[in-house]
Amino acid sequence: MALGKAGSSLTQELNRLAGITNVANYLDSQAAANLYASTTGLGTVGALNIKASAVRTRDNFKDINGICNELAGTTGLAAPAALRSINV
């Protein structure tokens, strides 16, 4: 897969990162984030934090923009734009 598509939503980007390309199979944002992070039962922010660092605990989770930027290796972008920059 390539970089995300300009204008795509956070949910679309999370599905792309989770490897889901068929719109008919899209998961909601939490399920796609959990699939991407290989975890279950966490919210979107938690799942992405676990993807970034398996030893990160809830007391030091980054917020949605912060964790998306960490995963993307960028700074200052909104969450969807940061995720779009991840090449999988």
PDB file of N, CA and C in Angstrom:
ATOM      1  N   MET A   1       0.824  -1.177   0.000  1.00  0.00           N
ATOM      2  CA  MET A   1       0.000   0.000   0.000  1.00  0.00           C
ATOM      3  C   MET A   1       0.868   1.240   0.000  1.00  0.00           C
ATOM      4  N   ALA A   2       0.237   2.327  -0.309  1.00  0.00           N
ATOM      5  CA  ALA A   2       0.961   3.582  -0.396  1.00  0.00           C
ATOM      6  C   ALA A   2       0.496   4.536   0.680  1.00  0.00           C
ATOM      7  N   LEU A   3       0.911   5.775   0.516  1.00  0.00           N
ATOM      8  CA  LEU A   3       0.471   6.827   1.425  1.00  0.00           C
ATOM      9  C   LEU A   3      -1.030   6.998   1.347  1.00  0.00           C
ATOM     10  N   GLY A   4      -1.599   7.606   2.377  1.00  0.00           N
ATOM     11  CA  GLY A   4      -3.026   7.857   2.405  1.00  0.00           C
ATOM     12  C   GLY A   4      -3.470   8.818   1.319  1.00  0.00           C
ATOM     13  N   LYS A   5      -4.761   8.868   1.151  1.00  0.00           N
ATOM     14  CA  LYS A   5      -5.363   9.708   0.122  1.00  0.00           C
ATOM     15  C   LYS A   5      -5.753  11.052   0.716  1.00  0.00           C
ATOM     16  N   ALA A   6      -5.365  12.128   0.053  1.00  0.00           N
ATOM     17  CA  ALA A   6      -5.701  13.471   0.539  1.00  0.00           C
ATOM     18  C   ALA A   6      -7.204  13.591   0.737  1.00  0.00           C
ATOM     19  N   GLY A   7      -7.604  14.138   1.853  1.00  0.00           N
ATOM     20  CA  GLY A   7      -9.017  14.340   2.138  1.00  0.00           C
ATOM     21  C   GLY A   7      -9.692  13.148   2.790  1.00  0.00           C
ATOM     22  N   SER A   8      -8.980  12.056   2.979  1.00  0.00           N
ATOM     23  CA  SER A   8      -9.601  10.896   3.602  1.00  0.00           C
ATOM     24  C   SER A   8      -9.824  11.154   5.083  1.00  0.00           C
ATOM     25  N   SER A   9     -10.792  10.466   5.633  1.00  0.00           N
ATOM     26  CA  SER A   9     -11.130  10.666   7.039  1.00  0.00           C
ATOM     27  C   SER A   9     -10.204   9.864   7.940  1.00  0.00           C
ATOM     28  N   LEU A  10     -10.254  10.160   9.232  1.00  0.00           N
ATOM     29  CA  LEU A  10      -9.478   9.417  10.213  1.00  0.00           C
ATOM     30  C   LEU A  10      -9.837   7.938  10.142  1.00  0.00           C
ATOM     31  N   THR A  11     -11.119   7.618  10.049  1.00  0.00           N
ATOM     32  CA  THR A  11     -11.549   6.229   9.981  1.00  0.00           C
ATOM     33  C   THR A  11     -11.021   5.549   8.727  1.00  0.00           C
ATOM     34  N   GLN A  12     -11.069   6.237   7.599  1.00  0.00           N
ATOM     35  CA  GLN A  12     -10.530   5.667   6.364  1.00  0.00           C
ATOM     36  C   GLN A  12      -9.041   5.395   6.496  1.00  0.00           C
ATOM     37  N   GLU A  13      -8.312   6.318   7.103  1.00  0.00           N
ATOM     38  CA  GLU A  13      -6.874   6.133   7.273  1.00  0.00           C
ATOM     39  C   GLU A  13      -6.566   4.991   8.237  1.00  0.00           C
ATOM     40  N   LEU A  14      -7.335   4.869   9.299  1.00  0.00           N
ATOM     41  CA  LEU A  14      -7.116   3.768  10.230  1.00  0.00           C
ATOM     42  C   LEU A  14      -7.384   2.428   9.545  1.00  0.00           C
ATOM     43  N   ASN A  15      -8.416   2.368   8.721  1.00  0.00           N
ATOM     44  CA  ASN A  15      -8.685   1.148   7.971  1.00  0.00           C
ATOM     45  C   ASN A  15      -7.553   0.836   7.005  1.00  0.00           C
ATOM     46  N   ARG A  16      -7.026   1.860   6.344  1.00  0.00           N
ATOM     47  CA  ARG A  16      -5.901   1.655   5.425  1.00  0.00           C
ATOM     48  C   ARG A  16      -4.708   1.079   6.171  1.00  0.00           C
ATOM     49  N   LEU A  17      -4.403   1.652   7.334  1.00  0.00           N
ATOM     50  CA  LEU A  17      -3.273   1.165   8.115  1.00  0.00           C
ATOM     51  C   LEU A  17      -3.509  -0.250   8.625  1.00  0.00           C
ATOM     52  N   ALA A  18      -4.770  -0.588   8.875  1.00  0.00           N
ATOM     53  CA  ALA A  18      -5.111  -1.937   9.326  1.00  0.00           C
ATOM     54  C   ALA A  18      -5.115  -2.937   8.178  1.00  0.00           C
ATOM     55  N   GLY A  19      -4.929  -2.452   6.951  1.00  0.00           N
ATOM     56  CA  GLY A  19      -4.875  -3.336   5.801  1.00  0.00           C
ATOM     57  C   GLY A  19      -6.209  -3.589   5.141  1.00  0.00           C
ATOM     58  N   ILE A  20      -7.212  -2.798   5.489  1.00  0.00           N
ATOM     59  CA  ILE A  20      -8.542  -2.964   4.907  1.00  0.00           C
ATOM     60  C   ILE A  20      -8.709  -1.956   3.780  1.00  0.00           C
ATOM     61  N   THR A  21      -8.863  -2.447   2.580  1.00  0.00           N
ATOM     62  CA  THR A  21      -8.963  -1.563   1.424  1.00  0.00           C
ATOM     63  C   THR A  21     -10.347  -1.565   0.789  1.00  0.00           C
ATOM     64  N   ASN A  22     -11.133  -2.582   1.057  1.00  0.00           N
ATOM     65  CA  ASN A  22     -12.476  -2.674   0.493  1.00  0.00           C
ATOM     66  C   ASN A  22     -13.448  -1.921   1.402  1.00  0.00           C
ATOM     67  N   VAL A  23     -14.075  -0.891   0.868  1.00  0.00           N
ATOM     68  CA  VAL A  23     -14.987  -0.058   1.667  1.00  0.00           C
ATOM     69  C   VAL A  23     -16.069  -0.895   2.327  1.00  0.00           C
ATOM     70  N   ALA A  24     -16.511  -1.946   1.671  1.00  0.00           N
ATOM     71  CA  ALA A  24     -17.558  -2.799   2.236  1.00  0.00           C
ATOM     72  C   ALA A  24     -17.092  -3.488   3.519  1.00  0.00           C
ATOM     73  N   ASN A  25     -15.798  -3.605   3.713  1.00  0.00           N
ATOM     74  CA  ASN A  25     -15.244  -4.279   4.884  1.00  0.00           C
ATOM     75  C   ASN A  25     -14.736  -3.323   5.954  1.00  0.00           C
ATOM     76  N   TYR A  26     -14.914  -2.005   5.759  1.00  0.00           N
ATOM     77  CA  TYR A  26     -14.402  -1.017   6.709  1.00  0.00           C
ATOM     78  C   TYR A  26     -14.913  -1.291   8.117  1.00  0.00           C
ATOM     79  N   LEU A  27     -14.031  -1.106   9.064  1.00  0.00           N
ATOM     80  CA  LEU A  27     -14.365  -1.171  10.476  1.00  0.00           C
ATOM     81  C   LEU A  27     -14.528   0.247  11.002  1.00  0.00           C
ATOM     82  N   ASP A  28     -15.187   0.390  12.154  1.00  0.00           N
ATOM     83  CA  ASP A  28     -15.232   1.721  12.755  1.00  0.00           C
ATOM     84  C   ASP A  28     -13.834   2.074  13.241  1.00  0.00           C
ATOM     85  N   SER A  29     -13.634   3.321  13.640  1.00  0.00           N
ATOM     86  CA  SER A  29     -12.278   3.791  13.941  1.00  0.00           C
ATOM     87  C   SER A  29     -11.629   3.010  15.072  1.00  0.00           C
ATOM     88  N   GLN A  30     -12.394   2.667  16.102  1.00  0.00           N
ATOM     89  CA  GLN A  30     -11.806   1.927  17.207  1.00  0.00           C
ATOM     90  C   GLN A  30     -11.383   0.533  16.764  1.00  0.00           C
ATOM     91  N   ALA A  31     -12.227  -0.160  16.034  1.00  0.00           N
ATOM     92  CA  ALA A  31     -11.897  -1.515  15.592  1.00  0.00           C
ATOM     93  C   ALA A  31     -10.701  -1.511  14.644  1.00  0.00           C
ATOM     94  N   ALA A  32     -10.651  -0.536  13.735  1.00  0.00           N
ATOM     95  CA  ALA A  32      -9.515  -0.450  12.807  1.00  0.00           C
ATOM     96  C   ALA A  32      -8.228  -0.131  13.552  1.00  0.00           C
ATOM     97  N   ALA A  33      -8.303   0.780  14.530  1.00  0.00           N
ATOM     98  CA  ALA A  33      -7.114   1.105  15.327  1.00  0.00           C
ATOM     99  C   ALA A  33      -6.642  -0.110  16.104  1.00  0.00           C
ATOM    100  N   ASN A  34      -7.590  -0.851  16.691  1.00  0.00           N
ATOM    101  CA  ASN A  34      -7.219  -2.046  17.432  1.00  0.00           C
ATOM    102  C   ASN A  34      -6.582  -3.086  16.520  1.00  0.00           C
ATOM    103  N   LEU A  35      -7.113  -3.255  15.330  1.00  0.00           N
ATOM    104  CA  LEU A  35      -6.533  -4.193  14.378  1.00  0.00           C
ATOM    105  C   LEU A  35      -5.123  -3.761  14.006  1.00  0.00           C
ATOM    106  N   TYR A  36      -4.943  -2.471  13.732  1.00  0.00           N
ATOM    107  CA  TYR A  36      -3.617  -1.935  13.393  1.00  0.00           C
ATOM    108  C   TYR A  36      -2.637  -2.163  14.545  1.00  0.00           C
ATOM    109  N   ALA A  37      -3.110  -1.973  15.762  1.00  0.00           N
ATOM    110  CA  ALA A  37      -2.244  -2.102  16.930  1.00  0.00           C
ATOM    111  C   ALA A  37      -2.152  -3.535  17.441  1.00  0.00           C
ATOM    112  N   SER A  38      -2.927  -4.440  16.863  1.00  0.00           N
ATOM    113  CA  SER A  38      -2.981  -5.837  17.299  1.00  0.00           C
ATOM    114  C   SER A  38      -3.392  -5.948  18.761  1.00  0.00           C
ATOM    115  N   THR A  39      -4.324  -5.117  19.170  1.00  0.00           N
ATOM    116  CA  THR A  39      -4.874  -5.161  20.517  1.00  0.00           C
ATOM    117  C   THR A  39      -6.387  -5.188  20.417  1.00  0.00           C
ATOM    118  N   THR A  40      -7.028  -5.438  21.517  1.00  0.00           N
ATOM    119  CA  THR A  40      -8.486  -5.374  21.563  1.00  0.00           C
ATOM    120  C   THR A  40      -8.924  -4.658  22.827  1.00  0.00           C
ATOM    121  N   GLY A  41     -10.096  -4.038  22.763  1.00  0.00           N
ATOM    122  CA  GLY A  41     -10.690  -3.437  23.939  1.00  0.00           C
ATOM    123  C   GLY A  41     -10.201  -2.049  24.296  1.00  0.00           C
ATOM    124  N   LEU A  42      -9.347  -1.474  23.488  1.00  0.00           N
ATOM    125  CA  LEU A  42      -8.880  -0.125  23.761  1.00  0.00           C
ATOM    126  C   LEU A  42      -9.558   0.843  22.816  1.00  0.00           C
ATOM    127  N   GLY A  43      -9.713   2.072  23.231  1.00  0.00           N
ATOM    128  CA  GLY A  43     -10.201   3.091  22.326  1.00  0.00           C
ATOM    129  C   GLY A  43      -9.147   3.408  21.272  1.00  0.00           C
ATOM    130  N   THR A  44      -9.512   4.244  20.326  1.00  0.00           N
ATOM    131  CA  THR A  44      -8.614   4.597  19.236  1.00  0.00           C
ATOM    132  C   THR A  44      -7.282   5.123  19.752  1.00  0.00           C
ATOM    133  N   VAL A  45      -7.329   6.058  20.678  1.00  0.00           N
ATOM    134  CA  VAL A  45      -6.102   6.654  21.198  1.00  0.00           C
ATOM    135  C   VAL A  45      -5.247   5.600  21.897  1.00  0.00           C
ATOM    136  N   GLY A  46      -5.865   4.770  22.704  1.00  0.00           N
ATOM    137  CA  GLY A  46      -5.126   3.733  23.412  1.00  0.00           C
ATOM    138  C   GLY A  46      -4.485   2.736  22.464  1.00  0.00           C
ATOM    139  N   ALA A  47      -5.242   2.287  21.468  1.00  0.00           N
ATOM    140  CA  ALA A  47      -4.711   1.317  20.522  1.00  0.00           C
ATOM    141  C   ALA A  47      -3.524   1.888  19.755  1.00  0.00           C
ATOM    142  N   LEU A  48      -3.619   3.134  19.336  1.00  0.00           N
ATOM    143  CA  LEU A  48      -2.510   3.746  18.610  1.00  0.00           C
ATOM    144  C   LEU A  48      -1.295   3.950  19.508  1.00  0.00           C
ATOM    145  N   ASN A  49      -1.516   4.277  20.769  1.00  0.00           N
ATOM    146  CA  ASN A  49      -0.394   4.407  21.702  1.00  0.00           C
ATOM    147  C   ASN A  49       0.317   3.069  21.887  1.00  0.00           C
ATOM    148  N   ILE A  50      -0.436   1.983  21.954  1.00  0.00           N
ATOM    149  CA  ILE A  50       0.164   0.658  22.085  1.00  0.00           C
ATOM    150  C   ILE A  50       0.928   0.302  20.817  1.00  0.00           C
ATOM    151  N   LYS A  51       0.416   0.715  19.653  1.00  0.00           N
ATOM    152  CA  LYS A  51       1.142   0.479  18.401  1.00  0.00           C
ATOM    153  C   LYS A  51       2.490   1.191  18.439  1.00  0.00           C
ATOM    154  N   ALA A  52       2.511   2.388  18.975  1.00  0.00           N
ATOM    155  CA  ALA A  52       3.743   3.173  19.015  1.00  0.00           C
ATOM    156  C   ALA A  52       4.736   2.614  20.026  1.00  0.00           C
ATOM    157  N   SER A  53       4.232   2.103  21.136  1.00  0.00           N
ATOM    158  CA  SER A  53       5.119   1.593  22.178  1.00  0.00           C
ATOM    159  C   SER A  53       4.380   0.546  23.008  1.00  0.00           C
ATOM    160  N   ALA A  54       4.802  -0.694  22.893  1.00  0.00           N
ATOM    161  CA  ALA A  54       4.136  -1.784  23.596  1.00  0.00           C
ATOM    162  C   ALA A  54       4.242  -1.664  25.112  1.00  0.00           C
ATOM    163  N   VAL A  55       5.181  -0.860  25.593  1.00  0.00           N
ATOM    164  CA  VAL A  55       5.345  -0.710  27.038  1.00  0.00           C
ATOM    165  C   VAL A  55       4.708   0.568  27.579  1.00  0.00           C
ATOM    166  N   ARG A  56       4.083   1.355  26.708  1.00  0.00           N
ATOM    167  CA  ARG A  56       3.442   2.587  27.155  1.00  0.00           C
ATOM    168  C   ARG A  56       2.205   2.243  27.986  1.00  0.00           C
ATOM    169  N   THR A  57       2.019   2.969  29.069  1.00  0.00           N
ATOM    170  CA  THR A  57       0.867   2.731  29.935  1.00  0.00           C
ATOM    171  C   THR A  57      -0.126   3.873  29.811  1.00  0.00           C
ATOM    172  N   ARG A  58      -1.335   3.620  30.281  1.00  0.00           N
ATOM    173  CA  ARG A  58      -2.418   4.604  30.134  1.00  0.00           C
ATOM    174  C   ARG A  58      -2.083   5.955  30.751  1.00  0.00           C
ATOM    175  N   ASP A  59      -1.263   5.956  31.780  1.00  0.00           N
ATOM    176  CA  ASP A  59      -0.959   7.230  32.427  1.00  0.00           C
ATOM    177  C   ASP A  59      -0.022   8.117  31.610  1.00  0.00           C
ATOM    178  N   ASN A  60       0.557   7.578  30.536  1.00  0.00           N
ATOM    179  CA  ASN A  60       1.385   8.436  29.683  1.00  0.00           C
ATOM    180  C   ASN A  60       1.011   8.335  28.202  1.00  0.00           C
ATOM    181  N   PHE A  61      -0.255   7.969  27.919  1.00  0.00           N
ATOM    182  CA  PHE A  61      -0.751   7.984  26.539  1.00  0.00           C
ATOM    183  C   PHE A  61      -0.725   9.412  25.999  1.00  0.00           C
ATOM    184  N   LYS A  62      -0.380   9.547  24.731  1.00  0.00           N
ATOM    185  CA  LYS A  62      -0.485  10.828  24.044  1.00  0.00           C
ATOM    186  C   LYS A  62      -1.907  10.990  23.522  1.00  0.00           C
ATOM    187  N   ASP A  63      -2.329  12.233  23.265  1.00  0.00           N
ATOM    188  CA  ASP A  63      -3.649  12.468  22.703  1.00  0.00           C
ATOM    189  C   ASP A  63      -3.662  12.063  21.223  1.00  0.00           C
ATOM    190  N   ILE A  64      -4.821  12.134  20.581  1.00  0.00           N
ATOM    191  CA  ILE A  64      -4.962  11.631  19.216  1.00  0.00           C
ATOM    192  C   ILE A  64      -3.999  12.312  18.244  1.00  0.00           C
ATOM    193  N   ASN A  65      -3.869  13.617  18.306  1.00  0.00           N
ATOM    194  CA  ASN A  65      -2.938  14.289  17.391  1.00  0.00           C
ATOM    195  C   ASN A  65      -1.501  13.921  17.724  1.00  0.00           C
ATOM    196  N   GLY A  66      -1.168  13.885  19.003  1.00  0.00           N
ATOM    197  CA  GLY A  66       0.194  13.567  19.409  1.00  0.00           C
ATOM    198  C   GLY A  66       0.617  12.173  18.989  1.00  0.00           C
ATOM    199  N   ILE A  67      -0.257  11.187  19.185  1.00  0.00           N
ATOM    200  CA  ILE A  67       0.113   9.822  18.848  1.00  0.00           C
ATOM    201  C   ILE A  67       0.148   9.616  17.336  1.00  0.00           C
ATOM    202  N   CYS A  68      -0.748  10.241  16.603  1.00  0.00           N
ATOM    203  CA  CYS A  68      -0.713  10.136  15.141  1.00  0.00           C
ATOM    204  C   CYS A  68       0.572  10.748  14.603  1.00  0.00           C
ATOM    205  N   ASN A  69       0.979  11.868  15.174  1.00  0.00           N
ATOM    206  CA  ASN A  69       2.226  12.500  14.746  1.00  0.00           C
ATOM    207  C   ASN A  69       3.434  11.649  15.127  1.00  0.00           C
ATOM    208  N   GLU A  70       3.399  11.017  16.287  1.00  0.00           N
ATOM    209  CA  GLU A  70       4.505  10.129  16.659  1.00  0.00           C
ATOM    210  C   GLU A  70       4.614   8.971  15.670  1.00  0.00           C
ATOM    211  N   LEU A  71       3.502   8.336  15.364  1.00  0.00           N
ATOM    212  CA  LEU A  71       3.517   7.218  14.422  1.00  0.00           C
ATOM    213  C   LEU A  71       3.982   7.659  13.040  1.00  0.00           C
ATOM    214  N   ALA A  72       3.600   8.863  12.646  1.00  0.00           N
ATOM    215  CA  ALA A  72       3.947   9.365  11.319  1.00  0.00           C
ATOM    216  C   ALA A  72       5.350   9.959  11.268  1.00  0.00           C
ATOM    217  N   GLY A  73       5.949  10.208  12.414  1.00  0.00           N
ATOM    218  CA  GLY A  73       7.270  10.832  12.437  1.00  0.00           C
ATOM    219  C   GLY A  73       7.227  12.280  12.012  1.00  0.00           C
ATOM    220  N   THR A  74       6.090  12.940  12.253  1.00  0.00           N
ATOM    221  CA  THR A  74       5.919  14.346  11.881  1.00  0.00           C
ATOM    222  C   THR A  74       5.499  15.141  13.102  1.00  0.00           C
ATOM    223  N   THR A  75       5.417  16.449  12.948  1.00  0.00           N
ATOM    224  CA  THR A  75       4.936  17.286  14.039  1.00  0.00           C
ATOM    225  C   THR A  75       3.939  18.301  13.510  1.00  0.00           C
ATOM    226  N   GLY A  76       2.966  18.617  14.340  1.00  0.00           N
ATOM    227  CA  GLY A  76       2.066  19.714  14.053  1.00  0.00           C
ATOM    228  C   GLY A  76       0.926  19.440  13.098  1.00  0.00           C
ATOM    229  N   LEU A  77       0.747  18.216  12.647  1.00  0.00           N
ATOM    230  CA  LEU A  77      -0.356  17.930  11.733  1.00  0.00           C
ATOM    231  C   LEU A  77      -1.571  17.448  12.504  1.00  0.00           C
ATOM    232  N   ALA A  78      -2.742  17.668  11.945  1.00  0.00           N
ATOM    233  CA  ALA A  78      -3.951  17.095  12.523  1.00  0.00           C
ATOM    234  C   ALA A  78      -3.880  15.579  12.354  1.00  0.00           C
ATOM    235  N   ALA A  79      -4.626  14.855  13.164  1.00  0.00           N
ATOM    236  CA  ALA A  79      -4.549  13.390  13.168  1.00  0.00           C
ATOM    237  C   ALA A  79      -4.707  12.753  11.787  1.00  0.00           C
ATOM    238  N   PRO A  80      -5.760  13.087  11.008  1.00  0.00           N
ATOM    239  CA  PRO A  80      -5.880  12.429   9.695  1.00  0.00           C
ATOM    240  C   PRO A  80      -4.687  12.719   8.770  1.00  0.00           C
ATOM    241  N   ALA A  81      -4.220  13.963   8.775  1.00  0.00           N
ATOM    242  CA  ALA A  81      -3.086  14.311   7.914  1.00  0.00           C
ATOM    243  C   ALA A  81      -1.821  13.579   8.341  1.00  0.00           C
ATOM    244  N   ALA A  82      -1.613  13.441   9.634  1.00  0.00           N
ATOM    245  CA  ALA A  82      -0.446  12.709  10.122  1.00  0.00           C
ATOM    246  C   ALA A  82      -0.508  11.253   9.690  1.00  0.00           C
ATOM    247  N   LEU A  83      -1.688  10.629   9.855  1.00  0.00           N
ATOM    248  CA  LEU A  83      -1.816   9.227   9.455  1.00  0.00           C
ATOM    249  C   LEU A  83      -1.651   9.054   7.956  1.00  0.00           C
ATOM    250  N   ARG A  84      -2.096  10.026   7.178  1.00  0.00           N
ATOM    251  CA  ARG A  84      -1.933   9.943   5.712  1.00  0.00           C
ATOM    252  C   ARG A  84      -0.482   9.854   5.321  1.00  0.00           C
ATOM    253  N   SER A  85       0.411  10.397   6.149  1.00  0.00           N
ATOM    254  CA  SER A  85       1.818  10.422   5.798  1.00  0.00           C
ATOM    255  C   SER A  85       2.528   9.099   6.101  1.00  0.00           C
ATOM    256  N   ILE A  86       1.826   8.164   6.720  1.00  0.00           N
ATOM    257  CA  ILE A  86       2.428   6.855   7.022  1.00  0.00           C
ATOM    258  C   ILE A  86       2.331   5.983   5.790  1.00  0.00           C
ATOM    259  N   ASN A  87       3.454   5.483   5.353  1.00  0.00           N
ATOM    260  CA  ASN A  87       3.510   4.596   4.198  1.00  0.00           C
ATOM    261  C   ASN A  87       3.561   3.175   4.701  1.00  0.00           C
ATOM    262  N   VAL A  88       2.560   2.378   4.342  1.00  0.00           N
ATOM    263  CA  VAL A  88       2.536   0.983   4.801  1.00  0.00           C
ATOM    264  C   VAL A  88       2.700   0.035   3.645  1.00  0.00           C
TER     265      VAL A  88
END
